[in-house]
Amino acid sequence: MRLVYVATEPVTAYRLLDGQLGYMQRQGFDVTVVTSPGELLLRTAQREGVQARAVPMTRDVSPGQDVRALYRLTALLRELKPTIVNAGTPKAGLLGVAAARLAGVPVVVYLLRGLRFEGARGAKRLLLAGTEHLAAGLAHRVFANSESLRQRFTSLGCASPERVWVPCSGSSNGVDVQRFLPNEARRAWALDERRRRALSPEDIVVGFVGRFTSDKGIVALVQAFRIASEQEPRLRLLLVGDHDDSDPLPSGVAEFLRSDSRVSTTGFVDEPAPYYGLMDLFVFPSLREGFPNAPLEAAASEVPVIAFRATGTVDAVVDGQTGALLAAGDVDLLSREILRYAADPELRARQGRAGRRRVEASFDRELVWQALEGEYRRLVALAGVKSEAFRAFGSGSR
């Protein structure tokens, strides 16, 4: 029983399907992951013990390349003959779902990770919204990675509520809670790394993990940090990630990140988990999400989270318990909240512990994987796919 995952970029499979591919393989699925070519695609396949196939795709609209990608995906799926296709990210979502229907795949899932058109304007917004409608309409089932995203998606008329499903409490892959567990070894590494980055024990580190883009709220973060640091000179900013040319930052903001001595950046890191241990406070001012992983990872690391009240993010942070949710784009309020948390280490510790407990109870990745596996099996049964060996394996593994 073959299960094919389709994503546009290899980094999506490497980061956002970590562990899930191997889990499904162990549960009796024959798993293949398909993305654009890249070293991370091969590394993902080796790590997970699954097959990998490469099909060139672009993130932006490119009619000629998109038609070629659709043709290649359709040919590949006809060759693989999967029972289930799970296609996610905007471009691969549409192309993968369309190719799966053209190839006659019995179960076609569109994995909705966010609404890219929310950050667009004019003709581009109409085009992106149209692709969401089309992808959802072609799929047999839509998997949304948060309840607020499901509500937003259905309220916009992109799909009927009964066709959109959310696994567990949300998230498309859950959190490896042990990977982010604060322990003595991790604390020792964090102390060494803080010294290496010239961060003193008295410094209060405001952290961020993700792409350096306007959509992720980096402009607002920089503005709020500059305001807050005028009143609290111990504040430092640590950004884990790198610039994304598809949504470049204003030149003045990019220059500030490069040149200000209070700012430390890592570039792309293969394993971001240890860096949460350097942070006293995590700030996530993203303006558009489906269900962000970074706030849950920070919570699992016992770091409180300040975030803008955006779709998806509202499912990741409990206001007043695991952090604070603020009106999107309110830079002055964000700066005041940074100062409030900076001045109250007991508040940070209390909300950090509460965040860890919440992730353990509701977002452990095994819970999410089991929910996904169960839904796959249910959809296969509804589609009337005959596979006695698969059904026997499934009943024995439950």
Protein backbone atom coordinates (compact mmCIF):
# COMPACT_ATOMS: atom_id res chain seq x y z
CA MET A 1 0.00 0.00 0.00
CA ARG A 2 1.97 2.97 -1.29
CA LEU A 3 1.79 6.41 0.31
CA VAL A 4 3.35 9.32 -1.58
CA TYR A 5 4.09 12.71 0.01
CA VAL A 6 4.58 15.66 -2.36
CA ALA A 7 6.13 19.00 -1.35
CA THR A 8 7.73 21.79 -3.37
CA GLU A 9 11.08 22.14 -1.59
CA PRO A 10 13.31 19.44 -0.04
CA VAL A 11 13.59 21.48 3.17
CA THR A 12 9.84 21.02 3.74
CA ALA A 13 10.23 17.25 3.78
CA TYR A 14 13.41 17.45 5.85
CA ARG A 15 11.97 19.78 8.49
CA LEU A 16 8.20 19.31 8.50
CA LEU A 17 7.96 15.55 7.88
CA ASP A 18 10.75 14.62 10.27
CA GLY A 19 9.97 11.19 11.72
CA GLN A 20 6.52 10.92 10.14
CA LEU A 21 7.76 9.32 6.94
CA GLY A 22 9.64 6.61 8.83
CA TYR A 23 6.69 6.04 11.17
CA MET A 24 4.31 5.42 8.27
CA GLN A 25 6.84 3.07 6.69
CA ARG A 26 6.98 1.07 9.93
CA GLN A 27 3.18 0.88 10.04
CA GLY A 28 3.07 -0.97 6.73
CA PHE A 29 2.92 1.80 4.15
CA ASP A 30 5.40 1.84 1.26
CA VAL A 31 6.42 5.51 1.50
CA THR A 32 7.88 7.70 -1.23
CA VAL A 33 8.64 11.41 -0.82
CA VAL A 34 8.66 13.70 -3.87
CA THR A 35 10.12 17.22 -3.97
CA SER A 36 12.30 19.34 -6.20
CA PRO A 37 15.86 18.01 -6.51
CA GLY A 38 18.28 18.75 -3.69
CA GLU A 39 20.66 17.26 -1.17
CA LEU A 40 18.06 17.55 1.60
CA LEU A 41 15.71 15.26 -0.33
CA LEU A 42 18.34 12.51 -0.33
CA ARG A 43 19.15 13.13 3.33
CA THR A 44 15.46 12.93 4.20
CA ALA A 45 15.08 9.59 2.44
CA GLN A 46 18.19 8.17 4.13
CA ARG A 47 17.14 9.38 7.58
CA GLU A 48 13.60 8.03 7.27
CA GLY A 49 14.33 4.83 5.39
CA VAL A 50 11.96 5.68 2.53
CA GLN A 51 12.18 6.17 -1.23
CA ALA A 52 12.76 9.60 -2.78
CA ARG A 53 11.97 10.92 -6.26
CA ALA A 54 12.78 14.38 -7.59
CA VAL A 55 10.54 16.51 -9.83
CA PRO A 56 11.64 20.11 -10.55
CA MET A 57 9.08 22.63 -9.21
CA THR A 58 9.20 26.37 -8.56
CA ARG A 59 7.58 28.18 -5.62
CA ASP A 60 6.43 31.11 -7.76
CA VAL A 61 3.98 30.99 -10.66
CA SER A 62 5.73 29.93 -13.87
CA PRO A 63 3.24 28.60 -16.44
CA GLY A 64 5.72 26.77 -18.63
CA GLN A 65 7.59 25.13 -15.75
CA ASP A 66 4.34 24.37 -13.94
CA VAL A 67 2.92 22.50 -16.93
CA ARG A 68 6.12 20.47 -17.23
CA ALA A 69 6.04 19.71 -13.51
CA LEU A 70 2.41 18.58 -13.74
CA TYR A 71 3.26 16.27 -16.64
CA ARG A 72 6.24 14.78 -14.78
CA LEU A 73 4.29 14.33 -11.55
CA THR A 74 1.43 12.63 -13.37
CA ALA A 75 3.84 10.28 -15.15
CA LEU A 76 5.61 9.50 -11.88
CA LEU A 77 2.37 8.73 -10.03
CA ARG A 78 1.20 6.48 -12.86
CA GLU A 79 4.51 4.65 -12.47
CA LEU A 80 4.32 4.40 -8.67
CA LYS A 81 0.57 3.59 -8.54
CA PRO A 82 0.07 4.91 -4.99
CA THR A 83 -3.07 4.27 -2.95
CA ILE A 84 -2.70 7.63 -1.15
CA VAL A 85 -1.14 10.93 -2.16
CA ASN A 86 -0.59 13.65 0.45
CA ALA A 87 0.33 16.91 -1.29
CA GLY A 88 1.18 20.05 0.67
CA THR A 89 2.67 23.57 0.27
CA PRO A 90 0.92 25.89 -2.23
CA LYS A 91 2.63 24.90 -5.49
CA ALA A 92 3.14 21.18 -4.84
CA GLY A 93 -0.29 21.05 -3.23
CA LEU A 94 -2.06 22.09 -6.42
CA LEU A 95 0.24 20.23 -8.83
CA GLY A 96 0.36 17.10 -6.66
CA VAL A 97 -3.40 16.94 -6.16
CA ALA A 98 -4.08 17.54 -9.87
CA ALA A 99 -1.49 14.95 -10.93
CA ALA A 100 -2.92 12.41 -8.47
CA ARG A 101 -6.41 12.83 -9.87
CA LEU A 102 -5.11 12.54 -13.43
CA ALA A 103 -3.24 9.37 -12.41
CA GLY A 104 -6.36 7.86 -10.84
CA VAL A 105 -5.06 7.71 -7.26
CA PRO A 106 -7.84 6.35 -4.99
CA VAL A 107 -7.19 8.69 -2.01
CA VAL A 108 -5.96 12.24 -2.61
CA VAL A 109 -5.24 14.52 0.36
CA TYR A 110 -4.45 18.23 0.23
CA LEU A 111 -2.38 19.22 3.25
CA LEU A 112 -3.24 22.82 4.11
CA ARG A 113 -0.35 24.47 5.98
CA GLY A 114 -1.50 28.06 5.66
CA LEU A 115 -3.17 30.62 3.41
CA ARG A 116 -0.48 32.20 1.30
CA PHE A 117 -2.97 34.56 -0.34
CA GLU A 118 -3.61 36.30 3.02
CA GLY A 119 -0.35 38.19 2.57
CA ALA A 120 -0.92 39.01 -1.12
CA ARG A 121 -2.73 41.84 -2.88
CA GLY A 122 -4.52 42.43 -6.18
CA ALA A 123 -4.23 39.92 -9.00
CA LYS A 124 -1.73 37.77 -7.10
CA ARG A 125 -4.18 37.37 -4.21
CA LEU A 126 -6.95 36.31 -6.62
CA LEU A 127 -4.63 33.83 -8.31
CA LEU A 128 -3.43 32.29 -5.05
CA ALA A 129 -6.96 32.11 -3.66
CA GLY A 130 -8.06 30.40 -6.85
CA THR A 131 -5.36 27.77 -6.50
CA GLU A 132 -6.52 27.03 -2.93
CA HIS A 133 -10.10 26.55 -4.12
CA LEU A 134 -8.93 24.32 -6.95
CA ALA A 135 -6.60 22.17 -4.82
CA ALA A 136 -9.26 21.68 -2.17
CA GLY A 137 -11.90 20.91 -4.80
CA LEU A 138 -9.76 18.26 -6.49
CA ALA A 139 -8.75 16.52 -3.25
CA HIS A 140 -10.89 13.88 -1.58
CA ARG A 141 -9.98 15.30 1.83
CA VAL A 142 -8.26 18.43 3.17
CA PHE A 143 -6.00 18.10 6.20
CA ALA A 144 -5.69 21.48 7.97
CA ASN A 145 -2.95 21.78 10.55
CA SER A 146 -4.93 23.96 12.99
CA GLU A 147 -8.53 24.54 13.99
CA SER A 148 -8.32 28.29 13.37
CA LEU A 149 -6.97 27.58 9.87
CA ARG A 150 -9.85 25.16 9.23
CA GLN A 151 -12.36 27.78 10.32
CA ARG A 152 -10.73 30.51 8.23
CA PHE A 153 -10.45 28.26 5.16
CA THR A 154 -14.08 27.15 5.30
CA SER A 155 -15.43 30.63 6.13
CA LEU A 156 -13.81 31.89 2.92
CA GLY A 157 -15.68 29.22 0.99
CA CYS A 158 -12.56 27.31 -0.04
CA ALA A 159 -14.11 24.02 1.11
CA SER A 160 -17.12 22.80 3.05
CA PRO A 161 -16.48 22.19 6.78
CA GLU A 162 -17.15 18.44 6.57
CA ARG A 163 -14.34 18.01 4.02
CA VAL A 164 -11.64 19.59 6.22
CA TRP A 165 -10.07 17.61 9.07
CA VAL A 166 -7.60 18.62 11.81
CA PRO A 167 -5.39 15.95 13.43
CA CYS A 168 -5.61 15.94 17.23
CA SER A 169 -5.15 19.45 18.63
CA GLY A 170 -3.44 20.62 15.45
CA SER A 171 -0.01 20.52 13.77
CA SER A 172 0.86 18.42 10.72
CA ASN A 173 3.74 16.64 12.45
CA GLY A 174 3.59 17.32 16.19
CA VAL A 175 6.63 17.90 18.37
CA ASP A 176 9.38 15.50 19.42
CA VAL A 177 9.08 16.42 23.08
CA GLN A 178 12.29 14.63 24.09
CA ARG A 179 14.29 16.50 21.46
CA PHE A 180 13.48 19.83 23.15
CA LEU A 181 13.71 18.68 26.76
CA PRO A 182 15.89 21.06 28.79
CA ASN A 183 18.54 18.94 30.54
CA GLU A 184 21.97 19.43 32.06
CA ALA A 185 23.85 18.68 28.84
CA ARG A 186 21.75 21.16 26.89
CA ARG A 187 22.07 23.83 29.57
CA ALA A 188 25.86 23.39 29.56
CA TRP A 189 25.94 23.74 25.75
CA ALA A 190 23.77 26.86 25.97
CA LEU A 191 26.11 28.47 28.52
CA ASP A 192 29.12 27.77 26.29
CA GLU A 193 27.30 29.09 23.23
CA ARG A 194 26.22 32.24 25.04
CA ARG A 195 29.85 32.90 25.98
CA ARG A 196 30.94 32.21 22.41
CA ARG A 197 28.43 34.79 21.18
CA ALA A 198 29.59 37.33 23.80
CA LEU A 199 26.31 37.09 25.73
CA SER A 200 26.81 37.74 29.42
CA PRO A 201 24.80 35.97 32.17
CA GLU A 202 22.98 39.26 32.78
CA ASP A 203 21.86 39.64 29.16
CA ILE A 204 18.20 38.90 28.41
CA VAL A 205 18.00 37.07 25.09
CA VAL A 206 14.95 37.59 22.88
CA GLY A 207 14.85 34.75 20.37
CA PHE A 208 13.28 33.96 17.00
CA VAL A 209 13.49 30.84 14.81
CA GLY A 210 12.41 30.87 11.18
CA ARG A 211 12.87 32.56 7.84
CA PHE A 212 13.90 36.23 7.89
CA THR A 213 10.96 37.63 5.91
CA SER A 214 8.42 40.41 6.22
CA ASP A 215 5.62 37.82 6.47
CA LYS A 216 7.29 36.36 9.55
CA GLY A 217 7.18 39.76 11.22
CA ILE A 218 10.90 40.45 11.34
CA VAL A 219 10.32 44.14 10.61
CA ALA A 220 7.98 44.45 13.61
CA LEU A 221 10.39 42.44 15.76
CA VAL A 222 13.31 44.73 14.94
CA GLN A 223 11.24 47.85 15.55
CA ALA A 224 9.96 46.55 18.91
CA PHE A 225 13.42 45.41 19.96
CA ARG A 226 14.93 48.83 19.22
CA ILE A 227 12.23 50.56 21.27
CA ALA A 228 12.48 48.13 24.19
CA SER A 229 16.29 48.11 24.28
CA GLU A 230 16.33 51.87 24.85
CA GLN A 231 14.76 51.19 28.26
CA GLU A 232 16.44 47.82 28.95
CA PRO A 233 20.06 47.82 27.77
CA ARG A 234 20.52 44.15 28.73
CA LEU A 235 18.26 43.01 25.87
CA ARG A 236 19.88 41.01 23.09
CA LEU A 237 18.32 39.59 19.91
CA LEU A 238 19.10 36.05 18.65
CA LEU A 239 17.74 35.06 15.23
CA VAL A 240 18.05 31.40 14.23
CA GLY A 241 17.60 31.05 10.49
CA ASP A 242 18.49 32.96 7.36
CA HIS A 243 17.21 35.46 4.81
CA ASP A 244 14.67 34.35 2.19
CA ASP A 245 15.00 36.10 -1.16
CA SER A 246 11.38 35.29 -2.06
CA ASP A 247 10.23 37.82 0.56
CA PRO A 248 13.22 40.09 1.23
CA LEU A 249 13.44 42.40 4.20
CA PRO A 250 13.70 46.19 3.74
CA SER A 251 17.33 47.18 3.30
CA GLY A 252 17.44 49.13 6.56
CA VAL A 253 16.19 46.15 8.58
CA ALA A 254 18.60 43.76 6.88
CA GLU A 255 21.48 46.15 7.58
CA PHE A 256 20.49 46.40 11.26
CA LEU A 257 20.60 42.60 11.59
CA ARG A 258 24.04 42.51 9.97
CA SER A 259 25.68 45.38 11.83
CA ASP A 260 24.17 45.91 15.28
CA SER A 261 26.32 44.43 18.05
CA ARG A 262 23.23 43.49 20.09
CA VAL A 263 22.04 41.14 17.33
CA SER A 264 23.31 37.60 16.78
CA THR A 265 22.27 35.46 13.79
CA THR A 266 23.10 31.84 13.06
CA GLY A 267 22.34 31.34 9.39
CA PHE A 268 20.74 28.03 8.43
CA VAL A 269 21.30 25.42 11.13
CA ASP A 270 20.66 21.73 10.70
CA GLU A 271 19.35 21.34 14.27
CA PRO A 272 17.74 24.42 15.86
CA ALA A 273 16.62 22.66 19.07
CA PRO A 274 19.67 23.54 21.24
CA TYR A 275 19.37 27.25 20.42
CA TYR A 276 16.12 27.60 22.37
CA GLY A 277 18.26 27.02 25.46
CA LEU A 278 20.00 30.36 24.82
CA MET A 279 16.70 32.24 24.93
CA ASP A 280 14.94 33.87 27.86
CA LEU A 281 11.95 34.81 25.75
CA PHE A 282 10.68 33.74 22.33
CA VAL A 283 8.97 36.30 20.08
CA PHE A 284 6.95 35.19 17.06
CA PRO A 285 5.36 38.21 15.33
CA SER A 286 4.35 36.32 12.17
CA LEU A 287 1.45 37.81 10.22
CA ARG A 288 0.37 34.63 8.39
CA GLU A 289 0.52 31.03 9.56
CA GLY A 290 -1.21 27.67 9.31
CA PHE A 291 0.17 26.21 12.50
CA PRO A 292 3.67 27.41 13.36
CA ASN A 293 6.16 24.87 14.70
CA ALA A 294 8.58 27.31 16.32
CA PRO A 295 6.26 28.51 19.14
CA LEU A 296 5.54 24.89 20.09
CA GLU A 297 9.25 24.07 20.01
CA ALA A 298 9.97 27.06 22.24
CA ALA A 299 7.22 25.94 24.62
CA ALA A 300 8.65 22.41 24.68
CA SER A 301 11.97 24.02 25.62
CA GLU A 302 10.26 25.85 28.53
CA VAL A 303 10.58 29.26 26.89
CA PRO A 304 7.51 31.57 27.04
CA VAL A 305 6.21 32.94 23.76
CA ILE A 306 4.99 36.39 22.74
CA ALA A 307 3.18 36.27 19.40
CA PHE A 308 0.85 38.20 17.18
CA ARG A 309 -2.74 36.97 17.10
CA ALA A 310 -2.65 35.39 13.62
CA THR A 311 -4.44 32.39 12.16
CA GLY A 312 -2.67 29.26 13.38
CA THR A 313 -0.58 31.06 15.95
CA VAL A 314 -3.63 31.39 18.20
CA ASP A 315 -3.65 27.57 18.43
CA ALA A 316 0.01 27.44 19.44
CA VAL A 317 -0.02 29.94 22.34
CA VAL A 318 -2.44 30.16 25.27
CA ASP A 319 -2.67 33.82 26.19
CA GLY A 320 -1.71 34.40 29.83
CA GLN A 321 -0.68 30.77 30.39
CA THR A 322 2.12 29.85 27.97
CA GLY A 323 2.81 33.38 26.74
CA ALA A 324 0.99 36.38 25.33
CA LEU A 325 -1.05 36.96 22.17
CA LEU A 326 -1.06 40.52 20.84
CA ALA A 327 -2.92 42.42 18.13
CA ALA A 328 -1.10 41.76 14.87
CA GLY A 329 1.25 44.56 13.87
CA ASP A 330 1.11 46.44 17.18
CA VAL A 331 4.80 47.27 17.57
CA ASP A 332 4.37 49.48 20.65
CA LEU A 333 2.48 46.76 22.52
CA LEU A 334 5.07 44.19 21.44
CA SER A 335 7.88 46.35 22.85
CA ARG A 336 6.00 46.79 26.14
CA GLU A 337 5.44 43.03 26.43
CA ILE A 338 9.11 42.35 25.79
CA LEU A 339 9.94 44.71 28.64
CA ARG A 340 7.31 43.12 30.91
CA TYR A 341 8.72 39.64 30.42
CA ALA A 342 12.31 40.88 30.63
CA ALA A 343 11.57 42.34 34.07
CA ASP A 344 9.87 39.22 35.47
CA PRO A 345 11.98 36.03 35.49
CA GLU A 346 9.38 34.24 37.63
CA LEU A 347 6.72 34.89 34.97
CA ARG A 348 9.03 33.52 32.31
CA ALA A 349 9.75 30.38 34.32
CA ARG A 350 6.09 29.76 35.20
CA GLN A 351 4.80 30.16 31.66
CA GLY A 352 7.72 28.18 30.26
CA ARG A 353 6.81 25.20 32.45
CA ALA A 354 3.13 25.51 31.49
CA GLY A 355 4.08 25.52 27.82
CA ARG A 356 6.11 22.35 28.22
CA ARG A 357 3.20 20.57 29.94
CA ARG A 358 0.79 21.61 27.20
CA VAL A 359 3.02 20.34 24.40
CA GLU A 360 3.52 17.00 26.17
CA ALA A 361 -0.24 16.55 26.65
CA SER A 362 -1.56 17.72 23.28
CA PHE A 363 1.16 17.92 20.62
CA ASP A 364 3.47 14.94 21.08
CA ARG A 365 4.27 13.82 17.56
CA GLU A 366 3.30 10.20 18.21
CA LEU A 367 -0.26 11.39 18.89
CA VAL A 368 -0.36 13.31 15.61
CA TRP A 369 1.13 10.42 13.62
CA GLN A 370 -1.37 7.96 15.05
CA ALA A 371 -4.23 10.30 14.15
CA LEU A 372 -2.90 10.68 10.59
CA GLU A 373 -2.45 6.92 10.22
CA GLY A 374 -6.01 6.31 11.43
CA GLU A 375 -7.43 8.83 8.97
CA TYR A 376 -5.43 7.33 6.10
CA ARG A 377 -6.84 3.88 6.90
CA ARG A 378 -10.37 5.27 7.19
CA LEU A 379 -10.10 7.00 3.80
CA VAL A 380 -8.69 3.86 2.19
CA ALA A 381 -11.61 1.84 3.56
CA LEU A 382 -14.12 4.43 2.30
CA ALA A 383 -12.48 4.33 -1.13
CA GLY A 384 -13.02 0.56 -1.19
CA VAL A 385 -9.37 -0.26 -1.80
CA LYS A 386 -8.84 -4.01 -1.53
CA SER A 387 -5.69 -5.05 0.28
CA GLU A 388 -6.15 -7.91 2.69
CA ALA A 389 -2.51 -7.92 3.78
CA PHE A 390 -2.67 -4.18 4.53
CA ARG A 391 -5.90 -4.52 6.50
CA ALA A 392 -4.47 -7.43 8.46
CA PHE A 393 -1.33 -5.45 9.26
CA GLY A 394 -3.44 -2.46 10.31
CA SER A 395 -5.71 -4.45 12.62
CA GLY A 396 -2.73 -6.15 14.21
CA SER A 397 -0.87 -2.90 14.83
CA ARG A 398 -3.68 -1.07 16.60
